[in-house]
């Protein structure tokens, strides 16, 4: 484990102390949790964007996609446990 110094404005330091007390933890642990949550959120956002880029590249390469209208109907039927036929990808209309 290494040490990093973080300089907090007095107002923020007080807010952290109060929030940590309400959460039943120390200000140090509260800050560590906040940093971990922010790092996790950033990693998830980057993974989401990477997946979107991969999917878009697949659409561009294949020229095929499924319309939102068809996909939404399929997802709604599936979520309602109704019989649903998976939509088929078709060439993009130009």
N, C-alpha and C. Protein backbone atom coordinates (compact mmCIF):
# COMPACT_ATOMS: atom_id res chain seq x y z
N UNK A 1 0.86 -1.17 0.00
CA UNK A 1 0.00 0.00 0.00
C UNK A 1 0.90 1.23 0.00
N UNK A 2 0.50 2.23 -0.73
CA UNK A 2 1.28 3.46 -0.77
C UNK A 2 0.45 4.62 -0.20
N UNK A 3 1.13 5.71 0.03
CA UNK A 3 0.48 6.88 0.60
C UNK A 3 0.38 7.97 -0.45
N UNK A 4 -0.78 8.59 -0.53
CA UNK A 4 -1.03 9.72 -1.41
C UNK A 4 -1.64 10.83 -0.57
N UNK A 5 -1.16 12.02 -0.76
CA UNK A 5 -1.71 13.15 -0.02
C UNK A 5 -2.76 13.84 -0.86
N UNK A 6 -3.90 14.09 -0.26
CA UNK A 6 -4.98 14.81 -0.93
C UNK A 6 -5.28 16.05 -0.11
N UNK A 7 -5.19 17.18 -0.75
CA UNK A 7 -5.51 18.43 -0.06
C UNK A 7 -6.96 18.78 -0.36
N UNK A 8 -7.75 18.86 0.68
CA UNK A 8 -9.16 19.17 0.54
C UNK A 8 -9.44 20.57 1.06
N UNK A 9 -10.28 21.32 0.35
CA UNK A 9 -10.73 22.59 0.92
C UNK A 9 -11.46 22.31 2.23
N UNK A 10 -11.39 23.23 3.15
CA UNK A 10 -12.00 23.04 4.47
C UNK A 10 -13.47 22.65 4.39
N UNK A 11 -14.20 23.30 3.50
CA UNK A 11 -15.63 23.01 3.36
C UNK A 11 -15.85 21.56 2.93
N UNK A 12 -15.08 21.08 1.96
CA UNK A 12 -15.22 19.70 1.50
C UNK A 12 -14.78 18.73 2.59
N UNK A 13 -13.74 19.05 3.30
CA UNK A 13 -13.27 18.19 4.39
C UNK A 13 -14.37 18.01 5.44
N UNK A 14 -15.07 19.08 5.74
CA UNK A 14 -16.16 19.02 6.72
C UNK A 14 -17.33 18.19 6.16
N UNK A 15 -17.65 18.37 4.90
CA UNK A 15 -18.72 17.59 4.28
C UNK A 15 -18.39 16.10 4.30
N UNK A 16 -17.13 15.77 4.00
CA UNK A 16 -16.70 14.38 4.02
C UNK A 16 -16.81 13.82 5.43
N UNK A 17 -16.38 14.58 6.41
CA UNK A 17 -16.43 14.13 7.80
C UNK A 17 -17.88 13.86 8.23
N UNK A 18 -18.78 14.76 7.88
CA UNK A 18 -20.18 14.58 8.24
C UNK A 18 -20.79 13.38 7.51
N UNK A 19 -20.49 13.24 6.24
CA UNK A 19 -21.02 12.12 5.47
C UNK A 19 -20.47 10.79 6.00
N UNK A 20 -19.21 10.77 6.34
CA UNK A 20 -18.60 9.55 6.89
C UNK A 20 -19.25 9.17 8.21
N UNK A 21 -19.51 10.16 9.04
CA UNK A 21 -20.15 9.90 10.34
C UNK A 21 -21.54 9.30 10.12
N UNK A 22 -22.30 9.89 9.19
CA UNK A 22 -23.63 9.36 8.89
C UNK A 22 -23.56 7.94 8.35
N UNK A 23 -22.49 7.65 7.59
CA UNK A 23 -22.33 6.32 7.01
C UNK A 23 -21.71 5.33 7.99
N UNK A 24 -21.33 5.81 9.15
CA UNK A 24 -20.75 4.94 10.17
C UNK A 24 -19.35 4.47 9.85
N UNK A 25 -18.57 5.32 9.22
CA UNK A 25 -17.21 4.97 8.86
C UNK A 25 -16.29 6.16 9.12
N UNK A 26 -15.03 5.97 8.85
CA UNK A 26 -14.06 7.05 9.05
C UNK A 26 -13.99 7.89 7.78
N UNK A 27 -13.55 9.14 7.92
CA UNK A 27 -13.35 9.96 6.71
C UNK A 27 -12.38 9.30 5.73
N UNK A 28 -11.33 8.67 6.24
CA UNK A 28 -10.36 8.00 5.38
C UNK A 28 -11.05 6.90 4.56
N UNK A 29 -11.80 6.04 5.23
CA UNK A 29 -12.48 4.96 4.53
C UNK A 29 -13.53 5.50 3.57
N UNK A 30 -14.22 6.55 3.97
CA UNK A 30 -15.22 7.16 3.11
C UNK A 30 -14.59 7.65 1.81
N UNK A 31 -13.44 8.29 1.92
CA UNK A 31 -12.73 8.79 0.74
C UNK A 31 -12.27 7.63 -0.13
N UNK A 32 -11.73 6.55 0.50
CA UNK A 32 -11.30 5.39 -0.27
C UNK A 32 -12.48 4.78 -1.04
N UNK A 33 -13.62 4.66 -0.38
CA UNK A 33 -14.81 4.10 -1.04
C UNK A 33 -15.25 4.98 -2.20
N UNK A 34 -15.21 6.29 -1.99
CA UNK A 34 -15.61 7.22 -3.06
C UNK A 34 -14.68 7.10 -4.26
N UNK A 35 -13.39 7.00 -4.02
CA UNK A 35 -12.43 6.86 -5.12
C UNK A 35 -12.65 5.53 -5.84
N UNK A 36 -12.87 4.45 -5.09
CA UNK A 36 -13.11 3.14 -5.70
C UNK A 36 -14.38 3.17 -6.54
N UNK A 37 -15.44 3.79 -6.04
CA UNK A 37 -16.70 3.88 -6.79
C UNK A 37 -16.51 4.68 -8.08
N UNK A 38 -15.76 5.76 -8.01
CA UNK A 38 -15.50 6.58 -9.20
C UNK A 38 -14.68 5.80 -10.22
N UNK A 39 -13.66 5.06 -9.75
CA UNK A 39 -12.84 4.26 -10.65
C UNK A 39 -13.69 3.16 -11.31
N UNK A 40 -14.56 2.50 -10.53
CA UNK A 40 -15.44 1.47 -11.07
C UNK A 40 -16.38 2.05 -12.13
N UNK A 41 -16.96 3.21 -11.84
CA UNK A 41 -17.88 3.84 -12.79
C UNK A 41 -17.16 4.18 -14.08
N UNK A 42 -15.94 4.69 -13.98
CA UNK A 42 -15.17 5.04 -15.17
C UNK A 42 -14.84 3.80 -15.99
N UNK A 43 -14.46 2.71 -15.31
CA UNK A 43 -14.16 1.46 -16.01
C UNK A 43 -15.40 0.92 -16.71
N UNK A 44 -16.55 0.98 -16.05
CA UNK A 44 -17.79 0.50 -16.67
C UNK A 44 -18.17 1.36 -17.87
N UNK A 45 -18.00 2.66 -17.75
CA UNK A 45 -18.31 3.57 -18.86
C UNK A 45 -17.41 3.27 -20.05
N UNK A 46 -16.12 3.06 -19.80
CA UNK A 46 -15.20 2.75 -20.88
C UNK A 46 -15.52 1.41 -21.52
N UNK A 47 -15.89 0.41 -20.73
CA UNK A 47 -16.26 -0.90 -21.26
C UNK A 47 -17.52 -0.77 -22.13
N UNK A 48 -18.48 0.04 -21.69
CA UNK A 48 -19.70 0.28 -22.45
C UNK A 48 -19.38 0.92 -23.79
N UNK A 49 -18.54 1.95 -23.76
CA UNK A 49 -18.18 2.64 -25.00
C UNK A 49 -17.39 1.73 -25.94
N UNK A 50 -16.49 0.91 -25.39
CA UNK A 50 -15.74 -0.03 -26.21
C UNK A 50 -16.68 -1.03 -26.89
N UNK A 51 -17.65 -1.53 -26.13
CA UNK A 51 -18.63 -2.47 -26.70
C UNK A 51 -19.46 -1.80 -27.79
N UNK A 52 -19.85 -0.56 -27.57
CA UNK A 52 -20.62 0.18 -28.58
C UNK A 52 -19.80 0.35 -29.85
N UNK A 53 -18.52 0.66 -29.70
CA UNK A 53 -17.65 0.81 -30.87
C UNK A 53 -17.50 -0.52 -31.62
N UNK A 54 -17.34 -1.63 -30.88
CA UNK A 54 -17.23 -2.94 -31.52
C UNK A 54 -18.51 -3.28 -32.29
N UNK A 55 -19.65 -3.00 -31.67
CA UNK A 55 -20.92 -3.31 -32.32
C UNK A 55 -21.14 -2.44 -33.56
N UNK A 56 -20.78 -1.16 -33.45
CA UNK A 56 -20.93 -0.28 -34.61
C UNK A 56 -20.01 -0.73 -35.74
N UNK A 57 -18.78 -1.13 -35.40
CA UNK A 57 -17.85 -1.62 -36.42
C UNK A 57 -18.43 -2.86 -37.10
N UNK A 58 -19.11 -3.70 -36.35
CA UNK A 58 -19.75 -4.89 -36.92
C UNK A 58 -20.88 -4.50 -37.87
N UNK A 59 -21.64 -3.49 -37.48
CA UNK A 59 -22.72 -3.01 -38.36
C UNK A 59 -22.14 -2.47 -39.66
N UNK A 60 -21.09 -1.67 -39.53
CA UNK A 60 -20.47 -1.08 -40.73
C UNK A 60 -19.89 -2.18 -41.61
N UNK A 61 -19.21 -3.17 -41.01
CA UNK A 61 -18.57 -4.24 -41.77
C UNK A 61 -19.61 -5.14 -42.46
N UNK A 62 -20.68 -5.46 -41.76
CA UNK A 62 -21.67 -6.38 -42.32
C UNK A 62 -22.73 -5.66 -43.13
N UNK A 63 -22.96 -4.39 -42.80
CA UNK A 63 -24.03 -3.65 -43.46
C UNK A 63 -25.41 -4.05 -42.98
N UNK A 64 -25.46 -4.84 -41.88
CA UNK A 64 -26.74 -5.34 -41.39
C UNK A 64 -27.04 -4.79 -40.00
N UNK A 65 -28.32 -4.61 -39.76
CA UNK A 65 -28.77 -4.14 -38.45
C UNK A 65 -30.23 -4.53 -38.25
N UNK A 66 -30.72 -4.30 -37.05
CA UNK A 66 -32.12 -4.56 -36.72
C UNK A 66 -32.74 -3.23 -36.33
N UNK A 67 -33.92 -2.95 -36.86
CA UNK A 67 -34.57 -1.68 -36.54
C UNK A 67 -34.96 -1.65 -35.06
N UNK A 68 -34.96 -0.47 -34.49
CA UNK A 68 -35.33 -0.32 -33.09
C UNK A 68 -36.78 -0.76 -32.88
N UNK A 69 -37.65 -0.48 -33.82
CA UNK A 69 -39.06 -0.86 -33.68
C UNK A 69 -39.19 -2.38 -33.53
N UNK A 70 -38.48 -3.13 -34.37
CA UNK A 70 -38.54 -4.59 -34.28
C UNK A 70 -37.90 -5.10 -32.99
N UNK A 71 -36.75 -4.54 -32.65
CA UNK A 71 -36.04 -5.01 -31.46
C UNK A 71 -36.83 -4.68 -30.20
N UNK A 72 -37.42 -3.51 -30.15
CA UNK A 72 -38.19 -3.13 -28.96
C UNK A 72 -39.39 -4.06 -28.78
N UNK A 73 -40.09 -4.35 -29.87
CA UNK A 73 -41.24 -5.26 -29.79
C UNK A 73 -40.78 -6.62 -29.28
N UNK A 74 -39.65 -7.10 -29.78
CA UNK A 74 -39.11 -8.39 -29.34
C UNK A 74 -38.75 -8.35 -27.85
N UNK A 75 -38.07 -7.31 -27.42
CA UNK A 75 -37.66 -7.21 -26.02
C UNK A 75 -38.87 -7.09 -25.09
N UNK A 76 -39.86 -6.31 -25.50
CA UNK A 76 -41.06 -6.16 -24.67
C UNK A 76 -41.80 -7.49 -24.54
N UNK A 77 -41.92 -8.21 -25.63
CA UNK A 77 -42.59 -9.51 -25.59
C UNK A 77 -41.80 -10.49 -24.73
N UNK A 78 -40.49 -10.49 -24.88
CA UNK A 78 -39.65 -11.39 -24.08
C UNK A 78 -39.77 -11.06 -22.59
N UNK A 79 -39.76 -9.77 -22.26
CA UNK A 79 -39.85 -9.36 -20.86
C UNK A 79 -41.20 -9.74 -20.26
N UNK A 80 -42.23 -9.79 -21.08
CA UNK A 80 -43.57 -10.15 -20.62
C UNK A 80 -43.82 -11.66 -20.70
N UNK A 81 -42.77 -12.43 -20.98
CA UNK A 81 -42.87 -13.89 -21.12
C UNK A 81 -43.88 -14.29 -22.19
N UNK A 82 -43.98 -13.49 -23.23
CA UNK A 82 -44.84 -13.81 -24.37
C UNK A 82 -43.98 -14.43 -25.47
N UNK A 83 -44.56 -15.23 -26.32
CA UNK A 83 -43.78 -15.80 -27.42
C UNK A 83 -43.24 -14.68 -28.31
N UNK A 84 -41.99 -14.79 -28.66
CA UNK A 84 -41.38 -13.74 -29.47
C UNK A 84 -40.36 -14.37 -30.42
N UNK A 85 -40.42 -13.95 -31.66
CA UNK A 85 -39.44 -14.41 -32.65
C UNK A 85 -38.34 -13.37 -32.73
N UNK A 86 -37.11 -13.83 -32.57
CA UNK A 86 -35.97 -12.92 -32.60
C UNK A 86 -35.88 -12.27 -33.98
N UNK A 87 -35.74 -10.93 -34.02
CA UNK A 87 -35.65 -10.25 -35.32
C UNK A 87 -34.39 -10.66 -36.07
N UNK A 88 -34.45 -10.57 -37.38
CA UNK A 88 -33.32 -10.91 -38.24
C UNK A 88 -32.66 -9.63 -38.74
N UNK A 89 -31.34 -9.60 -38.65
CA UNK A 89 -30.60 -8.43 -39.14
C UNK A 89 -30.74 -8.34 -40.66
N UNK A 90 -30.94 -7.11 -41.12
CA UNK A 90 -31.10 -6.86 -42.56
C UNK A 90 -30.12 -5.78 -42.99
N UNK A 91 -29.87 -5.73 -44.27
CA UNK A 91 -28.99 -4.69 -44.83
C UNK A 91 -29.57 -3.33 -44.51
N UNK A 92 -28.69 -2.40 -44.21
CA UNK A 92 -29.10 -1.02 -43.95
C UNK A 92 -29.71 -0.41 -45.19
N UNK A 93 -30.79 0.34 -45.01
CA UNK A 93 -31.39 1.06 -46.13
C UNK A 93 -30.56 2.30 -46.38
N UNK A 94 -30.26 2.58 -47.61
CA UNK A 94 -29.45 3.75 -47.95
C UNK A 94 -30.25 4.77 -48.67
